[in-house]
């Protein structure tokens, strides 16, 4: 497990041990919730080739990142909720793959992926443990793309430094998770999100590259109901 998630999990277990006995109903119609925690995004990349005149099979891979998250939820009914997932920008490293595998880091890019979910929460409003499923819409906004010297050597050897940009895209996300109530106000909440996301990289040398990112995100946090 990533070190940040491991540390957060230990803190949440401690919070559960210190939690007061369960009180009145939680997560019921009309309630608002705020979740603070950490989220790890791990892209599952299928890269197309960079256009000519790059070496055939010139592809890319994308590394993971972990950042704090802030999720805001509203219970429309006792079992149906809307949730907006926010957080700090994620910074991902891009690496060579395919014919240029092992050439090192090609660059970095930041991404803001706010997501709005519609959720179904199982069991009744008084249940201590409530699993849930969700379906949502993600908007992936890329910024601060930076190419490396290695990118230049691959695309424009001996020429001006190469740069690139990634096209912002909308995507569908599916979610599974569970909430464990500690007391009337506080819960531990964790989940997994799968997003079907494709984008296009455009390089300063005029080439383009289709990239399927399809990230899997794993999160854990503390939720406060008010």
C-alpha atoms as a PDB file:
ATOM      1  CA  UNK A   1       0.000   0.000   0.000  1.00  0.00           C
ATOM      2  CA  UNK A   2       1.191   3.523  -0.745  1.00  0.00           C
ATOM      3  CA  UNK A   3       2.793   5.065   2.370  1.00  0.00           C
ATOM      4  CA  UNK A   4       0.315   7.974   2.536  1.00  0.00           C
ATOM      5  CA  UNK A   5      -2.677   5.623   2.400  1.00  0.00           C
ATOM      6  CA  UNK A   6      -1.058   3.300   4.945  1.00  0.00           C
ATOM      7  CA  UNK A   7      -0.563   6.171   7.398  1.00  0.00           C
ATOM      8  CA  UNK A   8      -4.103   7.432   6.848  1.00  0.00           C
ATOM      9  CA  UNK A   9      -5.519   3.956   7.436  1.00  0.00           C
ATOM     10  CA  UNK A  10      -3.694   3.707  10.781  1.00  0.00           C
ATOM     11  CA  UNK A  11      -5.045   7.093  11.856  1.00  0.00           C
ATOM     12  CA  UNK A  12      -8.580   6.108  10.911  1.00  0.00           C
ATOM     13  CA  UNK A  13      -8.339   2.860  12.859  1.00  0.00           C
ATOM     14  CA  UNK A  14      -7.261   4.934  15.877  1.00  0.00           C
ATOM     15  CA  UNK A  15     -10.212   7.268  15.337  1.00  0.00           C
ATOM     16  CA  UNK A  16     -12.555   4.280  15.283  1.00  0.00           C
ATOM     17  CA  UNK A  17     -11.145   3.025  18.568  1.00  0.00           C
ATOM     18  CA  UNK A  18     -11.735   6.419  20.172  1.00  0.00           C
ATOM     19  CA  UNK A  19     -15.201   6.961  18.629  1.00  0.00           C
ATOM     20  CA  UNK A  20     -18.182   7.375  20.936  1.00  0.00           C
ATOM     21  CA  UNK A  21     -21.045   4.880  20.994  1.00  0.00           C
ATOM     22  CA  UNK A  22     -23.501   5.154  18.088  1.00  0.00           C
ATOM     23  CA  UNK A  23     -26.248   7.684  18.680  1.00  0.00           C
ATOM     24  CA  UNK A  24     -29.170   8.860  16.589  1.00  0.00           C
ATOM     25  CA  UNK A  25     -29.672   8.144  12.905  1.00  0.00           C
ATOM     26  CA  UNK A  26     -26.926   9.124  10.481  1.00  0.00           C
ATOM     27  CA  UNK A  27     -26.828   9.699   6.728  1.00  0.00           C
ATOM     28  CA  UNK A  28     -30.550  10.325   6.308  1.00  0.00           C
ATOM     29  CA  UNK A  29     -32.646  12.430   3.925  1.00  0.00           C
ATOM     30  CA  UNK A  30     -31.631  16.096   4.030  1.00  0.00           C
ATOM     31  CA  UNK A  31     -28.187  15.485   5.555  1.00  0.00           C
ATOM     32  CA  UNK A  32     -24.999  17.066   4.216  1.00  0.00           C
ATOM     33  CA  UNK A  33     -21.650  15.297   4.582  1.00  0.00           C
ATOM     34  CA  UNK A  34     -18.039  16.391   4.194  1.00  0.00           C
ATOM     35  CA  UNK A  35     -15.290  13.830   3.704  1.00  0.00           C
ATOM     36  CA  UNK A  36     -11.581  14.615   4.113  1.00  0.00           C
ATOM     37  CA  UNK A  37      -8.984  12.004   3.277  1.00  0.00           C
ATOM     38  CA  UNK A  38      -6.424  10.836   0.727  1.00  0.00           C
ATOM     39  CA  UNK A  39      -6.827   9.421  -2.775  1.00  0.00           C
ATOM     40  CA  UNK A  40      -4.380   7.512  -4.969  1.00  0.00           C
ATOM     41  CA  UNK A  41      -4.899   7.613  -8.732  1.00  0.00           C
ATOM     42  CA  UNK A  42      -3.208   4.873 -10.753  1.00  0.00           C
ATOM     43  CA  UNK A  43      -3.669   5.175 -14.550  1.00  0.00           C
ATOM     44  CA  UNK A  44      -4.051   1.906 -16.502  1.00  0.00           C
ATOM     45  CA  UNK A  45      -2.603   3.200 -19.746  1.00  0.00           C
ATOM     46  CA  UNK A  46      -3.133   1.965 -23.291  1.00  0.00           C
ATOM     47  CA  UNK A  47      -1.108   4.313 -25.471  1.00  0.00           C
ATOM     48  CA  UNK A  48      -1.293   4.843 -29.183  1.00  0.00           C
ATOM     49  CA  UNK A  49       1.822   5.573 -31.235  1.00  0.00           C
ATOM     50  CA  UNK A  50       3.225   9.051 -31.660  1.00  0.00           C
ATOM     51  CA  UNK A  51       2.675  10.155 -35.250  1.00  0.00           C
ATOM     52  CA  UNK A  52       5.472  10.166 -37.855  1.00  0.00           C
ATOM     53  CA  UNK A  53       8.325  10.927 -38.085  1.00  0.00           C
ATOM     54  CA  UNK A  54       8.744   9.391 -34.596  1.00  0.00           C
ATOM     55  CA  UNK A  55      10.105   5.837 -34.386  1.00  0.00           C
ATOM     56  CA  UNK A  56       7.228   3.351 -34.956  1.00  0.00           C
ATOM     57  CA  UNK A  57       5.888   2.067 -31.648  1.00  0.00           C
ATOM     58  CA  UNK A  58       6.790   5.257 -29.744  1.00  0.00           C
ATOM     59  CA  UNK A  59       4.331   5.149 -26.846  1.00  0.00           C
ATOM     60  CA  UNK A  60       3.860   6.545 -23.337  1.00  0.00           C
ATOM     61  CA  UNK A  61       3.041   5.346 -19.829  1.00  0.00           C
ATOM     62  CA  UNK A  62       1.790   7.400 -16.868  1.00  0.00           C
ATOM     63  CA  UNK A  63       2.730   7.012 -13.211  1.00  0.00           C
ATOM     64  CA  UNK A  64       0.431   7.240 -10.138  1.00  0.00           C
ATOM     65  CA  UNK A  65      -0.016  10.053  -7.624  1.00  0.00           C
ATOM     66  CA  UNK A  66      -1.601  10.484  -4.168  1.00  0.00           C
ATOM     67  CA  UNK A  67      -3.225  13.682  -2.928  1.00  0.00           C
ATOM     68  CA  UNK A  68      -5.673  14.949  -0.255  1.00  0.00           C
ATOM     69  CA  UNK A  69      -9.362  14.962  -1.183  1.00  0.00           C
ATOM     70  CA  UNK A  70     -12.489  16.864  -0.150  1.00  0.00           C
ATOM     71  CA  UNK A  71     -15.869  15.285  -0.955  1.00  0.00           C
ATOM     72  CA  UNK A  72     -19.220  17.009  -0.355  1.00  0.00           C
ATOM     73  CA  UNK A  73     -22.399  14.927  -0.238  1.00  0.00           C
ATOM     74  CA  UNK A  74     -26.143  15.520   0.082  1.00  0.00           C
ATOM     75  CA  UNK A  75     -28.764  12.858   0.870  1.00  0.00           C
ATOM     76  CA  UNK A  76     -31.729  13.297  -1.458  1.00  0.00           C
ATOM     77  CA  UNK A  77     -33.468  10.371   0.267  1.00  0.00           C
ATOM     78  CA  UNK A  78     -32.318   7.990   3.004  1.00  0.00           C
ATOM     79  CA  UNK A  79     -30.686   5.823   0.320  1.00  0.00           C
ATOM     80  CA  UNK A  80     -29.949   8.128  -2.638  1.00  0.00           C
ATOM     81  CA  UNK A  81     -27.185  10.731  -2.409  1.00  0.00           C
ATOM     82  CA  UNK A  82     -25.277  13.127  -4.627  1.00  0.00           C
ATOM     83  CA  UNK A  83     -21.529  13.525  -4.055  1.00  0.00           C
ATOM     84  CA  UNK A  84     -19.028  15.999  -5.501  1.00  0.00           C
ATOM     85  CA  UNK A  85     -15.415  14.787  -5.339  1.00  0.00           C
ATOM     86  CA  UNK A  86     -12.762  17.504  -5.252  1.00  0.00           C
ATOM     87  CA  UNK A  87      -9.095  17.709  -4.327  1.00  0.00           C
ATOM     88  CA  UNK A  88      -5.663  19.133  -5.007  1.00  0.00           C
ATOM     89  CA  UNK A  89      -4.215  18.791  -8.534  1.00  0.00           C
ATOM     90  CA  UNK A  90      -2.553  15.447  -9.171  1.00  0.00           C
ATOM     91  CA  UNK A  91       0.912  15.482 -10.724  1.00  0.00           C
ATOM     92  CA  UNK A  92       1.699  12.529 -12.964  1.00  0.00           C
ATOM     93  CA  UNK A  93       5.015  11.545 -14.524  1.00  0.00           C
ATOM     94  CA  UNK A  94       5.007  10.416 -18.158  1.00  0.00           C
ATOM     95  CA  UNK A  95       7.453   7.710 -19.229  1.00  0.00           C
ATOM     96  CA  UNK A  96       8.542   6.156 -22.482  1.00  0.00           C
ATOM     97  CA  UNK A  97       6.868   2.878 -23.489  1.00  0.00           C
ATOM     98  CA  UNK A  98       6.769   0.567 -26.475  1.00  0.00           C
ATOM     99  CA  UNK A  99       9.759   1.164 -28.751  1.00  0.00           C
ATOM    100  CA  UNK A 100      11.168   3.738 -26.304  1.00  0.00           C
ATOM    101  CA  UNK A 101      10.569   1.802 -23.068  1.00  0.00           C
ATOM    102  CA  UNK A 102      13.348   2.412 -20.562  1.00  0.00           C
ATOM    103  CA  UNK A 103      14.269   5.842 -21.916  1.00  0.00           C
ATOM    104  CA  UNK A 104      13.117   7.504 -18.692  1.00  0.00           C
ATOM    105  CA  UNK A 105      10.759  10.355 -17.837  1.00  0.00           C
ATOM    106  CA  UNK A 106       9.374  12.273 -20.796  1.00  0.00           C
ATOM    107  CA  UNK A 107       7.604  14.935 -18.754  1.00  0.00           C
ATOM    108  CA  UNK A 108       5.011  15.751 -16.112  1.00  0.00           C
ATOM    109  CA  UNK A 109       1.414  16.960 -16.183  1.00  0.00           C
ATOM    110  CA  UNK A 110      -1.044  18.170 -13.564  1.00  0.00           C
ATOM    111  CA  UNK A 111      -4.697  17.136 -13.703  1.00  0.00           C
ATOM    112  CA  UNK A 112      -7.821  18.318 -11.886  1.00  0.00           C
ATOM    113  CA  UNK A 113     -10.547  15.637 -12.158  1.00  0.00           C
ATOM    114  CA  UNK A 114     -13.688  16.871 -10.299  1.00  0.00           C
ATOM    115  CA  UNK A 115     -16.404  14.208 -10.340  1.00  0.00           C
ATOM    116  CA  UNK A 116     -20.135  14.371  -9.584  1.00  0.00           C
ATOM    117  CA  UNK A 117     -21.694  11.073  -8.473  1.00  0.00           C
ATOM    118  CA  UNK A 118     -25.217   9.795  -7.991  1.00  0.00           C
ATOM    119  CA  UNK A 119     -25.025   7.126  -5.280  1.00  0.00           C
ATOM    120  CA  UNK A 120     -27.217   4.400  -3.850  1.00  0.00           C
ATOM    121  CA  UNK A 121     -26.530   3.635  -0.184  1.00  0.00           C
ATOM    122  CA  UNK A 122     -27.602   0.192   0.982  1.00  0.00           C
ATOM    123  CA  UNK A 123     -29.360  -0.632   4.281  1.00  0.00           C
ATOM    124  CA  UNK A 124     -31.316   1.752   6.486  1.00  0.00           C
ATOM    125  CA  UNK A 125     -30.329   5.169   7.753  1.00  0.00           C
ATOM    126  CA  UNK A 126     -29.520   3.749  11.218  1.00  0.00           C
ATOM    127  CA  UNK A 127     -27.147   1.065   9.920  1.00  0.00           C
ATOM    128  CA  UNK A 128     -23.599   1.242  11.271  1.00  0.00           C
ATOM    129  CA  UNK A 129     -22.161  -0.215   8.040  1.00  0.00           C
ATOM    130  CA  UNK A 130     -23.462   1.066   4.698  1.00  0.00           C
ATOM    131  CA  UNK A 131     -21.947  -0.071   1.402  1.00  0.00           C
ATOM    132  CA  UNK A 132     -22.739   1.997  -1.673  1.00  0.00           C
ATOM    133  CA  UNK A 133     -22.401   2.156  -5.451  1.00  0.00           C
ATOM    134  CA  UNK A 134     -22.226   5.250  -7.614  1.00  0.00           C
ATOM    135  CA  UNK A 135     -22.184   6.401 -11.207  1.00  0.00           C
ATOM    136  CA  UNK A 136     -20.807   9.784 -12.143  1.00  0.00           C
ATOM    137  CA  UNK A 137     -19.322  12.227 -14.607  1.00  0.00           C
ATOM    138  CA  UNK A 138     -15.666  13.301 -14.456  1.00  0.00           C
ATOM    139  CA  UNK A 139     -14.100  16.304 -16.152  1.00  0.00           C
ATOM    140  CA  UNK A 140     -10.333  15.864 -16.476  1.00  0.00           C
ATOM    141  CA  UNK A 141      -8.614  19.227 -16.924  1.00  0.00           C
ATOM    142  CA  UNK A 142      -4.888  18.982 -17.698  1.00  0.00           C
ATOM    143  CA  UNK A 143      -2.467  21.838 -17.066  1.00  0.00           C
ATOM    144  CA  UNK A 144       1.203  22.652 -16.513  1.00  0.00           C
ATOM    145  CA  UNK A 145       2.432  20.034 -18.948  1.00  0.00           C
ATOM    146  CA  UNK A 146       6.227  20.035 -18.992  1.00  0.00           C
ATOM    147  CA  UNK A 147       8.468  18.148 -21.389  1.00  0.00           C
ATOM    148  CA  UNK A 148      11.897  16.844 -20.389  1.00  0.00           C
ATOM    149  CA  UNK A 149      15.220  16.742 -22.187  1.00  0.00           C
ATOM    150  CA  UNK A 150      14.454  13.077 -22.866  1.00  0.00           C
ATOM    151  CA  UNK A 151      11.270  14.066 -24.720  1.00  0.00           C
ATOM    152  CA  UNK A 152      13.313  16.392 -26.908  1.00  0.00           C
ATOM    153  CA  UNK A 153      15.845  13.657 -27.678  1.00  0.00           C
ATOM    154  CA  UNK A 154      13.007  11.338 -28.746  1.00  0.00           C
ATOM    155  CA  UNK A 155      11.033  13.813 -30.866  1.00  0.00           C
ATOM    156  CA  UNK A 156      13.442  16.556 -31.927  1.00  0.00           C
ATOM    157  CA  UNK A 157      17.045  15.458 -31.479  1.00  0.00           C
ATOM    158  CA  UNK A 158      19.392  18.424 -31.644  1.00  0.00           C
ATOM    159  CA  UNK A 159      16.478  20.855 -32.028  1.00  0.00           C
ATOM    160  CA  UNK A 160      14.487  23.178 -29.808  1.00  0.00           C
ATOM    161  CA  UNK A 161      13.085  21.753 -26.534  1.00  0.00           C
ATOM    162  CA  UNK A 162       9.905  19.745 -27.172  1.00  0.00           C
ATOM    163  CA  UNK A 163       6.689  20.572 -25.325  1.00  0.00           C
ATOM    164  CA  UNK A 164       3.258  18.961 -25.243  1.00  0.00           C
ATOM    165  CA  UNK A 165      -0.330  19.511 -24.134  1.00  0.00           C
ATOM    166  CA  UNK A 166      -3.139  17.140 -23.133  1.00  0.00           C
ATOM    167  CA  UNK A 167      -6.728  17.759 -24.191  1.00  0.00           C
ATOM    168  CA  UNK A 168      -9.327  18.191 -21.418  1.00  0.00           C
ATOM    169  CA  UNK A 169     -11.977  15.473 -21.557  1.00  0.00           C
ATOM    170  CA  UNK A 170     -15.204  14.356 -19.945  1.00  0.00           C
ATOM    171  CA  UNK A 171     -15.566  10.728 -18.823  1.00  0.00           C
ATOM    172  CA  UNK A 172     -17.844   8.279 -17.020  1.00  0.00           C
ATOM    173  CA  UNK A 173     -16.825   6.999 -13.578  1.00  0.00           C
ATOM    174  CA  UNK A 174     -18.152   4.047 -11.562  1.00  0.00           C
ATOM    175  CA  UNK A 175     -17.755   3.824  -7.792  1.00  0.00           C
ATOM    176  CA  UNK A 176     -18.024   1.201  -5.047  1.00  0.00           C
ATOM    177  CA  UNK A 177     -17.406   1.925  -1.375  1.00  0.00           C
ATOM    178  CA  UNK A 178     -18.595   1.649   2.199  1.00  0.00           C
ATOM    179  CA  UNK A 179     -19.132   3.843   5.234  1.00  0.00           C
ATOM    180  CA  UNK A 180     -18.582   2.698   8.844  1.00  0.00           C
ATOM    181  CA  UNK A 181     -20.294   4.894  11.454  1.00  0.00           C
ATOM    182  CA  UNK A 182     -18.223   5.790  14.517  1.00  0.00           C
ATOM    183  CA  UNK A 183     -20.853   7.911  16.254  1.00  0.00           C
ATOM    184  CA  UNK A 184     -23.755  10.222  15.423  1.00  0.00           C
ATOM    185  CA  UNK A 185     -21.597  12.605  13.372  1.00  0.00           C
ATOM    186  CA  UNK A 186     -18.438  10.799  12.284  1.00  0.00           C
ATOM    187  CA  UNK A 187     -17.820   7.890   9.907  1.00  0.00           C
ATOM    188  CA  UNK A 188     -14.921   6.184   8.186  1.00  0.00           C
ATOM    189  CA  UNK A 189     -15.465   6.040   4.429  1.00  0.00           C
ATOM    190  CA  UNK A 190     -13.450   4.300   1.734  1.00  0.00           C
ATOM    191  CA  UNK A 191     -13.998   3.500  -1.904  1.00  0.00           C
ATOM    192  CA  UNK A 192     -12.674   2.576  -5.331  1.00  0.00           C
ATOM    193  CA  UNK A 193     -13.421   4.527  -8.514  1.00  0.00           C
ATOM    194  CA  UNK A 194     -12.856   3.395 -12.095  1.00  0.00           C
ATOM    195  CA  UNK A 195     -12.907   6.045 -14.835  1.00  0.00           C
ATOM    196  CA  UNK A 196     -13.019   5.424 -18.584  1.00  0.00           C
ATOM    197  CA  UNK A 197     -10.881   8.308 -19.844  1.00  0.00           C
ATOM    198  CA  UNK A 198      -9.247   8.967 -23.199  1.00  0.00           C
ATOM    199  CA  UNK A 199      -7.274  12.037 -24.226  1.00  0.00           C
ATOM    200  CA  UNK A 200      -4.943  13.258 -26.968  1.00  0.00           C
ATOM    201  CA  UNK A 201      -1.385  14.519 -26.519  1.00  0.00           C
ATOM    202  CA  UNK A 202      -0.270  17.232 -28.968  1.00  0.00           C
ATOM    203  CA  UNK A 203       3.463  17.843 -29.326  1.00  0.00           C
ATOM    204  CA  UNK A 204       5.275  21.005 -30.360  1.00  0.00           C
ATOM    205  CA  UNK A 205       6.838  19.024 -33.204  1.00  0.00           C
ATOM    206  CA  UNK A 206       3.390  18.664 -34.794  1.00  0.00           C
ATOM    207  CA  UNK A 207       2.723  15.031 -33.854  1.00  0.00           C
ATOM    208  CA  UNK A 208      -0.253  13.763 -31.888  1.00  0.00           C
ATOM    209  CA  UNK A 209      -0.858  10.673 -29.762  1.00  0.00           C
ATOM    210  CA  UNK A 210      -4.098   9.084 -28.541  1.00  0.00           C
ATOM    211  CA  UNK A 211      -3.854   7.851 -24.936  1.00  0.00           C
ATOM    212  CA  UNK A 212      -6.390   5.791 -22.980  1.00  0.00           C
ATOM    213  CA  UNK A 213      -5.727   6.512 -19.286  1.00  0.00           C
ATOM    214  CA  UNK A 214      -8.585   4.573 -17.570  1.00  0.00           C
ATOM    215  CA  UNK A 215      -7.392   5.351 -14.009  1.00  0.00           C
ATOM    216  CA  UNK A 216      -8.329   3.423 -10.873  1.00  0.00           C
ATOM    217  CA  UNK A 217      -8.590   5.563  -7.727  1.00  0.00           C
ATOM    218  CA  UNK A 218      -8.529   4.246  -4.143  1.00  0.00           C
ATOM    219  CA  UNK A 219      -9.508   6.573  -1.298  1.00  0.00           C
ATOM    220  CA  UNK A 220     -10.058   6.565   2.448  1.00  0.00           C
ATOM    221  CA  UNK A 221     -11.166   9.357   4.761  1.00  0.00           C
ATOM    222  CA  UNK A 222     -13.229  10.661   7.659  1.00  0.00           C
ATOM    223  CA  UNK A 223     -16.776  11.897   7.017  1.00  0.00           C
ATOM    224  CA  UNK A 224     -18.657  14.452   9.130  1.00  0.00           C
ATOM    225  CA  UNK A 225     -22.466  14.696   8.937  1.00  0.00           C
ATOM    226  CA  UNK A 226     -24.320  17.928   9.589  1.00  0.00           C
END
